[in-house]
Protein backbone atom coordinates (compact mmCIF):
# COMPACT_ATOMS: atom_id res chain seq x y z
CA MET A 1 0.00 0.00 0.00
CA SER A 2 1.44 3.38 -0.98
CA ALA A 3 1.94 6.10 1.59
CA GLN A 4 -0.64 8.26 -0.15
CA VAL A 5 -3.23 5.48 0.01
CA SER A 6 -2.38 4.97 3.67
CA LEU A 7 -2.90 8.69 4.30
CA THR A 8 -6.36 8.54 2.75
CA ARG A 9 -7.25 5.55 4.92
CA LEU A 10 -5.95 7.18 8.11
CA GLN A 11 -7.80 10.40 7.42
CA MET A 12 -11.00 8.50 6.67
CA PHE A 13 -10.92 6.44 9.86
CA TYR A 14 -9.31 8.84 12.31
CA GLY A 15 -9.32 12.35 10.84
CA ASP A 16 -12.32 13.54 12.86
CA LEU A 17 -11.22 12.12 16.20
CA ASP A 18 -10.46 14.49 19.06
CA ALA A 19 -6.88 14.64 20.32
CA PRO A 20 -6.88 11.89 23.01
CA LEU A 21 -8.61 9.32 20.80
CA LEU A 22 -6.47 10.18 17.78
CA LEU A 23 -3.30 9.83 19.83
CA ARG A 24 -4.40 6.51 21.27
CA ALA A 25 -5.09 5.08 17.81
CA MET A 26 -1.79 6.30 16.38
CA ILE A 27 0.40 5.26 19.34
CA ARG A 28 -1.18 1.93 20.22
CA ASP A 29 -2.41 0.68 16.87
CA GLU A 30 -1.27 2.32 13.64
CA PHE A 31 2.35 3.19 14.47
CA LYS A 32 3.13 1.13 17.55
CA GLY A 33 6.85 1.46 18.27
CA GLU A 34 7.39 3.68 15.22
CA ILE A 35 5.97 7.00 16.38
CA ALA A 36 7.57 9.91 18.23
CA LEU A 37 6.43 13.21 19.66
CA ILE A 38 8.57 16.19 18.73
CA SER A 39 8.43 18.71 21.56
CA SER A 40 10.01 22.11 22.13
CA PHE A 41 9.30 21.93 25.87
CA GLY A 42 8.11 25.48 25.30
CA ALA A 43 5.15 27.55 26.40
CA ASP A 44 2.44 25.17 25.14
CA ALA A 45 4.29 21.86 25.31
CA ALA A 46 2.97 20.40 28.56
CA LEU A 47 -0.55 19.56 27.35
CA LEU A 48 0.43 17.31 24.45
CA LEU A 49 3.21 15.69 26.47
CA SER A 50 0.66 14.93 29.19
CA MET A 51 -1.76 13.35 26.71
CA VAL A 52 0.96 11.15 25.26
CA ALA A 53 2.25 10.14 28.69
CA GLU A 54 -1.23 8.97 29.68
CA ILE A 55 -1.33 6.61 26.70
CA ASP A 56 2.24 5.33 26.81
CA PRO A 57 4.98 7.12 28.80
CA ALA A 58 7.59 5.11 26.86
CA THR A 59 6.67 6.87 23.60
CA SER A 60 9.76 8.50 22.12
CA VAL A 61 9.94 12.25 22.70
CA LEU A 62 12.34 14.21 20.51
CA PHE A 63 13.68 17.42 22.04
CA LEU A 64 15.95 19.53 19.85
CA GLU A 65 18.64 20.67 22.27
CA THR A 66 20.10 23.32 20.02
CA HIS A 67 22.79 24.49 22.46
CA LYS A 68 21.04 27.88 22.27
CA HIS A 69 18.10 27.35 24.63
CA PHE A 70 17.25 29.42 27.67
CA PRO A 71 18.44 27.70 30.88
CA GLU A 72 14.79 27.85 31.98
CA THR A 73 13.79 25.69 29.00
CA LEU A 74 16.36 23.03 29.81
CA ASN A 75 15.23 22.96 33.45
CA TYR A 76 11.60 22.86 32.36
CA ALA A 77 12.32 19.87 30.11
CA ARG A 78 13.77 18.01 33.08
CA THR A 79 10.85 19.07 35.32
CA LEU A 80 8.17 17.93 32.86
CA THR A 81 9.98 14.68 32.10
CA LYS A 82 9.94 13.80 35.79
CA HIS A 83 6.44 15.18 36.47
CA LEU A 84 4.85 13.19 33.63
CA GLY A 85 6.97 10.07 34.03
CA LEU A 86 8.30 10.22 30.48
CA LYS A 87 10.66 7.31 29.92
CA ASN A 88 12.14 7.89 26.48
CA VAL A 89 13.13 11.53 25.93
CA HIS A 90 15.88 12.01 23.35
CA TRP A 91 17.90 15.23 23.54
CA LEU A 92 18.94 15.79 19.94
CA THR A 93 22.04 17.95 19.53
CA PRO A 94 23.83 19.41 16.50
CA ASP A 95 26.53 17.34 14.84
CA PRO A 96 29.75 18.47 16.64
CA GLU A 97 31.87 18.65 13.49
CA MET A 98 29.21 20.64 11.61
CA GLU A 99 28.67 22.96 14.56
CA SER A 100 32.37 23.81 14.88
CA ARG A 101 32.74 24.24 11.12
CA LEU A 102 29.57 26.18 10.33
CA ASP A 103 29.23 28.20 13.51
CA PRO A 104 32.68 28.49 15.14
CA LYS A 105 31.79 31.72 16.97
CA GLY A 106 28.25 30.68 17.90
CA ASP A 107 26.71 33.73 16.24
CA LEU A 108 25.34 32.21 13.03
CA TRP A 109 21.81 32.99 14.25
CA SER A 110 22.50 36.72 13.87
CA THR A 111 23.59 36.64 10.22
CA GLN A 112 22.18 33.44 8.68
CA PRO A 113 19.21 32.37 10.82
CA ASN A 114 17.95 29.79 8.32
CA ARG A 115 21.33 28.10 8.17
CA CYS A 116 21.49 28.13 11.96
CA CYS A 117 18.08 26.45 12.19
CA TRP A 118 19.15 23.82 9.68
CA LEU A 119 22.29 23.05 11.69
CA ARG A 120 20.59 22.95 15.07
CA LYS A 121 17.12 21.62 14.25
CA VAL A 122 16.50 20.31 10.73
CA GLU A 123 19.58 18.10 10.38
CA PRO A 124 19.46 16.62 13.92
CA LEU A 125 15.77 15.76 13.52
CA GLU A 126 16.26 14.10 10.13
CA ARG A 127 19.15 12.11 11.57
CA ALA A 128 17.09 10.95 14.56
CA ILE A 129 14.12 9.91 12.41
CA LYS A 130 16.39 7.62 10.41
CA THR A 131 18.26 6.25 13.42
CA LEU A 132 15.12 5.53 15.45
CA GLY A 133 13.07 4.23 12.52
CA VAL A 134 10.30 6.79 13.05
CA LYS A 135 7.37 6.49 10.64
CA ALA A 136 5.13 9.13 12.21
CA LEU A 137 5.76 12.37 14.12
CA ILE A 138 3.31 13.88 16.59
CA THR A 139 3.47 17.69 16.54
CA GLY A 140 1.88 20.42 18.63
CA ARG A 141 1.06 22.70 15.70
CA LYS A 142 -2.28 24.52 15.67
CA ARG A 143 -4.12 26.24 12.84
CA TYR A 144 -4.47 29.53 14.72
CA GLN A 145 -0.71 30.00 15.08
CA THR A 146 0.29 31.20 11.60
CA PRO A 147 -1.27 31.73 8.15
CA GLU A 148 0.95 28.89 6.88
CA ARG A 149 -0.74 26.50 9.32
CA ALA A 150 -4.31 27.69 8.77
CA GLU A 151 -5.32 24.76 6.52
CA MET A 152 -3.44 22.05 8.39
CA GLU A 153 -5.12 18.65 8.80
CA SER A 154 -4.88 16.46 11.89
CA ILE A 155 -3.15 13.76 9.82
CA GLU A 156 -0.72 14.67 7.04
CA LEU A 157 2.07 13.10 5.00
CA ASP A 158 5.25 15.09 4.42
CA ASP A 159 7.45 15.03 1.34
CA LYS A 160 9.87 12.62 3.01
CA GLY A 161 7.17 10.00 3.53
CA ILE A 162 6.79 10.65 7.27
CA PHE A 163 3.26 10.97 8.64
CA ARG A 164 2.60 14.10 10.67
CA ILE A 165 0.01 13.71 13.41
CA ASN A 166 -1.35 17.07 14.61
CA PRO A 167 -3.85 16.28 17.41
CA LEU A 168 -4.36 19.91 18.44
CA ALA A 169 -4.68 21.30 14.92
CA LEU A 170 -8.27 22.48 15.43
CA TRP A 171 -7.97 23.47 19.09
CA SER A 172 -8.36 27.12 20.07
CA LYS A 173 -5.97 28.89 22.41
CA ASP A 174 -8.71 29.07 25.06
CA ARG A 175 -9.47 25.38 24.92
CA GLN A 176 -5.80 24.54 25.16
CA LYS A 177 -5.39 26.80 28.19
CA GLN A 178 -8.46 25.36 29.91
CA GLU A 179 -7.27 21.78 29.47
CA THR A 180 -3.77 22.66 30.67
CA VAL A 181 -5.19 24.24 33.83
CA ALA A 182 -7.57 21.30 34.37
CA ARG A 183 -4.59 18.93 34.28
CA ASN A 184 -2.68 21.12 36.75
CA LEU A 185 0.40 21.10 34.55
CA PRO A 186 3.47 23.18 35.48
CA GLU A 187 3.96 26.29 33.36
CA HIS A 188 7.17 27.24 31.59
CA PRO A 189 8.74 29.86 33.90
CA LEU A 190 9.31 32.35 31.06
CA VAL A 191 5.59 32.62 30.23
CA ALA A 192 5.07 34.85 33.27
CA LYS A 193 7.75 37.15 31.85
CA GLY A 194 5.94 37.67 28.55
CA TYR A 195 7.49 34.88 26.49
CA LEU A 196 4.38 33.31 24.95
CA SER A 197 6.20 31.32 22.25
CA ILE A 198 9.65 30.13 23.22
CA GLY A 199 12.49 29.08 20.98
CA CYS A 200 16.25 29.62 21.18
CA ALA A 201 17.36 32.39 23.54
CA PRO A 202 19.06 34.66 20.96
CA CYS A 203 16.03 34.54 18.66
CA THR A 204 13.20 34.98 21.17
CA VAL A 205 11.92 38.13 22.87
CA PRO A 206 8.87 38.82 25.08
CA VAL A 207 5.69 40.08 23.44
CA SER A 208 3.51 42.96 24.54
CA ALA A 209 -0.09 42.65 25.67
CA GLY A 210 -2.35 42.06 22.67
CA GLN A 211 0.54 41.17 20.39
CA ASP A 212 0.52 37.88 18.46
CA GLU A 213 2.11 35.20 20.63
CA ARG A 214 4.66 34.30 17.93
CA ALA A 215 5.68 37.90 17.25
CA GLY A 216 8.64 37.43 19.55
CA ARG A 217 10.12 34.62 17.48
CA TRP A 218 12.97 35.65 15.15
CA ALA A 219 12.07 39.31 15.54
CA HIS A 220 15.64 40.23 14.62
CA THR A 221 15.23 38.74 11.12
CA ILE A 222 13.15 41.68 9.92
CA GLY A 223 16.38 43.63 9.59
CA ILE A 224 18.21 40.76 7.89
CA GLU A 225 15.74 39.44 5.33
CA ASN A 226 13.09 42.21 5.24
CA GLU A 227 10.46 39.69 6.29
CA GLN A 228 10.20 38.08 9.70
CA LYS A 229 11.10 34.40 9.77
CA VAL A 230 8.18 32.28 11.00
CA GLU A 231 9.36 28.65 10.78
CA CYS A 232 12.53 26.90 11.93
CA GLY A 233 12.30 24.45 9.02
CA ILE A 234 11.37 21.17 10.69
CA HIS A 235 7.80 21.51 9.41
CA LEU A 236 8.69 22.77 5.93
CA PRO A 237 9.06 20.74 2.71
CA ALA A 238 12.61 19.75 1.80
CA ASN A 239 12.60 21.98 -1.29
CA GLU A 240 12.08 25.03 0.94
CA THR A 241 15.05 24.22 3.17
CA ALA A 242 17.34 22.71 0.50
CA ASN A 243 19.63 25.75 0.34
CA TRP A 244 19.73 26.42 4.10
CA SER A 245 22.71 24.12 4.62
CA VAL A 246 25.00 25.83 2.09
């Protein structure tokens, strides 16, 4: 059965399921042992991690440890891992040789942000998917976040043949917040300081009241590329990131 045919079948049987039921079907039945959750351990990460932990705490969790995170994010990752009883969290780091060659001063983010994201996120994730034999990735993306995500389905197939499971695609910000509070999940410590979407420390700033929550991501790129960067590349087609590594 081709991947495209499999996508049609999955969407037909599971596409309308709410997040917990969709996750249960994907983790326990369709991709048992071949599925992973990619998590930023950022502002909104706890809810999806909690849902996955309830189903199977041994599910692989992929955390891109870029070597550029806030200390608070690293501590939060350890806190949530312990709080939820996660048993299989992989801290994915940049290739040491590539890092020393491409970013010897550690300031690539300031001049070539796309290349920096490829080095620290895109390449490590692709490497882990191959090494771990991952067939499906669970993501925390939501339609309300960006115009590029507005038409996203709960089950997708990327151009590399990896299924993307987006359980919260149709959830609103309010519903997400209500469920997080109901589960009594610990909050990322930077949220209280105005960081409503949290990435690498050099590329993330707090947002003002009423501002879009992702406005603080890559704000410095407006002066570099005339248009603010909105994606790190791990959710983009290969043809859109092909020249990031050169």
